[in-house]
Amino acid sequence: MSQYFDIGDETLWNPSNGASRLFLRQVAVFEAELGLASGIGPMENDECQIDPAVFETFVDALLAQHRRTSHTIMLALSDGFTATTLALAERAGVKVDWARLGATPEGALKDVQVSAHTGMSVPPEGEAWASRLREKAGELSRHMPR
């Protein structure tokens, strides 16, 4: 069995029920964390519609949040979801402003990690961050059935 993530009549992703269920639960977590709707509708009759405009806003906020943290555990918990969402966004035609996101993060850093040995960690250099995330999203996209 599988489920469909669609924009209109176009299927962007057709994961197994388990992968879909886990992804949708993580969507709810990140909607709460960001205080934003994702644009990913409810799963009804094994189909889920994505609102591209709302999804684009969600993706931008998700990437901005990811860019502002250097906390090892926060990144470990969010990397897979962020890369999967980015792969889905690329299939949906969402435009990502990599130049803005790769620049020094806007606003205060969030969830930084401080160590007695190394001091406060900072987010990675923008180009390295974007490259790593895009590479992971590309790898995942190759394994995401349509």
Protein backbone atom coordinates (compact mmCIF):
# COMPACT_ATOMS: atom_id res chain seq x y z
CA MET A 1 0.00 0.00 0.00
CA SER A 2 1.07 3.56 -0.60
CA GLN A 3 -0.17 7.11 -0.36
CA TYR A 4 0.03 10.09 -2.70
CA PHE A 5 1.27 13.63 -2.12
CA ASP A 6 -0.13 15.70 -4.98
CA ILE A 7 -0.37 19.23 -6.30
CA GLY A 8 -3.50 19.17 -8.39
CA ASP A 9 -3.29 16.14 -10.66
CA GLU A 10 0.51 15.81 -10.37
CA THR A 11 1.90 13.25 -7.94
CA LEU A 12 5.06 14.50 -6.27
CA TRP A 13 5.64 11.53 -4.01
CA ASN A 14 4.11 8.09 -3.54
CA PRO A 15 5.64 6.66 -0.34
CA SER A 16 4.65 3.57 1.61
CA ASN A 17 1.99 4.02 4.28
CA GLY A 18 4.60 3.85 7.05
CA ALA A 19 6.88 6.48 5.50
CA SER A 20 3.88 8.69 4.81
CA ARG A 21 2.55 8.35 8.36
CA LEU A 22 5.94 9.20 9.89
CA PHE A 23 6.45 12.16 7.54
CA LEU A 24 2.99 13.59 8.33
CA ARG A 25 3.63 13.27 12.06
CA GLN A 26 6.87 15.18 11.62
CA VAL A 27 5.03 17.80 9.56
CA ALA A 28 2.77 18.40 12.56
CA VAL A 29 5.80 18.75 14.87
CA PHE A 30 7.47 21.32 12.63
CA GLU A 31 4.21 23.22 12.05
CA ALA A 32 4.01 23.61 15.83
CA GLU A 33 7.69 24.56 16.13
CA LEU A 34 7.46 27.18 13.37
CA GLY A 35 3.95 28.37 14.22
CA LEU A 36 3.02 27.98 10.55
CA ALA A 37 0.79 25.77 8.46
CA SER A 38 2.74 23.57 6.06
CA GLY A 39 0.28 23.56 3.18
CA ILE A 40 0.30 19.77 3.32
CA GLY A 41 -3.33 18.77 3.63
CA PRO A 42 -4.80 15.81 5.46
CA MET A 43 -4.41 12.30 4.10
CA GLU A 44 -7.83 11.28 2.80
CA ASN A 45 -8.41 8.11 0.80
CA ASP A 46 -4.63 7.70 0.50
CA GLU A 47 -4.26 11.13 -1.12
CA CYS A 48 -2.91 14.38 0.24
CA GLN A 49 -3.07 17.71 -1.57
CA ILE A 50 -0.31 20.28 -1.12
CA ASP A 51 -1.05 23.99 -1.37
CA PRO A 52 2.06 25.25 -3.19
CA ALA A 53 1.95 28.84 -1.90
CA VAL A 54 1.54 27.84 1.76
CA PHE A 55 4.11 25.06 1.33
CA GLU A 56 6.65 27.53 -0.09
CA THR A 57 6.28 29.77 2.98
CA PHE A 58 6.68 26.75 5.27
CA VAL A 59 9.78 25.52 3.41
CA ASP A 60 11.39 28.96 3.61
CA ALA A 61 10.75 29.17 7.36
CA LEU A 62 11.97 25.60 7.91
CA LEU A 63 15.22 26.27 6.06
CA ALA A 64 15.74 29.59 7.85
CA GLN A 65 15.28 27.88 11.23
CA HIS A 66 17.64 25.07 10.25
CA ARG A 67 20.24 27.62 9.16
CA ARG A 68 20.07 29.52 12.48
CA THR A 69 20.94 26.59 14.72
CA SER A 70 24.23 24.94 15.45
CA HIS A 71 22.96 22.58 18.14
CA THR A 72 24.15 19.08 17.29
CA ILE A 73 21.08 17.30 18.65
CA MET A 74 18.62 19.75 17.08
CA LEU A 75 20.32 19.26 13.73
CA ALA A 76 20.39 15.48 14.08
CA LEU A 77 16.66 15.46 14.86
CA SER A 78 15.74 17.78 12.00
CA ASP A 79 18.18 16.96 9.17
CA GLY A 80 16.21 14.06 7.67
CA PHE A 81 12.88 15.86 7.76
CA THR A 82 14.39 19.05 6.35
CA ALA A 83 16.10 17.20 3.48
CA THR A 84 12.93 15.21 2.69
CA THR A 85 10.85 18.39 2.71
CA LEU A 86 13.41 20.10 0.46
CA ALA A 87 13.27 17.19 -2.02
CA LEU A 88 9.47 17.43 -2.05
CA ALA A 89 9.68 21.21 -2.44
CA GLU A 90 12.01 20.91 -5.43
CA ARG A 91 9.53 18.56 -7.10
CA ALA A 92 6.79 21.09 -6.35
CA GLY A 93 8.76 23.87 -8.04
CA VAL A 94 9.31 25.82 -4.82
CA LYS A 95 11.94 28.50 -5.32
CA VAL A 96 14.55 28.53 -2.56
CA ASP A 97 16.60 31.68 -2.07
CA TRP A 98 19.91 29.92 -1.38
CA ALA A 99 21.86 33.19 -1.49
CA ARG A 100 19.78 34.69 1.32
CA LEU A 101 19.79 31.48 3.35
CA GLY A 102 23.52 30.96 2.82
CA ALA A 103 24.34 34.43 4.12
CA THR A 104 24.93 35.08 7.79
CA PRO A 105 21.67 34.01 9.46
CA GLU A 106 19.13 36.77 9.95
CA GLY A 107 18.14 37.46 13.52
CA ALA A 108 19.43 35.83 16.64
CA LEU A 109 20.91 32.37 16.52
CA LYS A 110 18.56 29.80 17.96
CA ASP A 111 19.27 26.70 19.98
CA VAL A 112 23.02 27.13 20.00
CA GLN A 113 25.19 24.56 21.70
CA VAL A 114 27.71 25.72 24.30
CA SER A 115 30.53 23.51 25.48
CA ALA A 116 32.99 24.10 28.31
CA HIS A 117 35.70 22.80 25.97
CA THR A 118 34.90 24.54 22.69
CA GLY A 119 32.69 27.47 23.66
CA MET A 120 29.62 28.38 21.62
CA SER A 121 29.25 26.65 18.29
CA VAL A 122 28.12 28.64 15.27
CA PRO A 123 26.20 27.54 12.19
CA PRO A 124 28.39 26.25 9.37
CA GLU A 125 29.49 28.55 6.56
CA GLY A 126 26.52 29.16 4.28
CA GLU A 127 27.81 27.55 1.12
CA ALA A 128 28.84 24.37 2.96
CA TRP A 129 25.47 24.25 4.74
CA ALA A 130 23.50 24.68 1.52
CA SER A 131 25.64 22.23 -0.40
CA ARG A 132 25.30 19.52 2.25
CA LEU A 133 21.54 19.97 2.52
CA ARG A 134 21.02 20.03 -1.26
CA GLU A 135 23.16 16.91 -1.65
CA LYS A 136 21.10 15.04 0.97
CA ALA A 137 17.83 16.21 -0.61
CA GLY A 138 19.04 15.06 -4.04
CA GLU A 139 19.99 11.66 -2.64
CA LEU A 140 16.59 11.29 -1.00
CA SER A 141 14.78 12.45 -4.13
CA ARG A 142 16.34 9.61 -6.11
CA HIS A 143 14.70 7.19 -3.64
CA MET A 144 11.29 8.92 -3.47
CA PRO A 145 8.87 7.11 -5.78
CA ARG A 146 6.35 9.16 -7.74
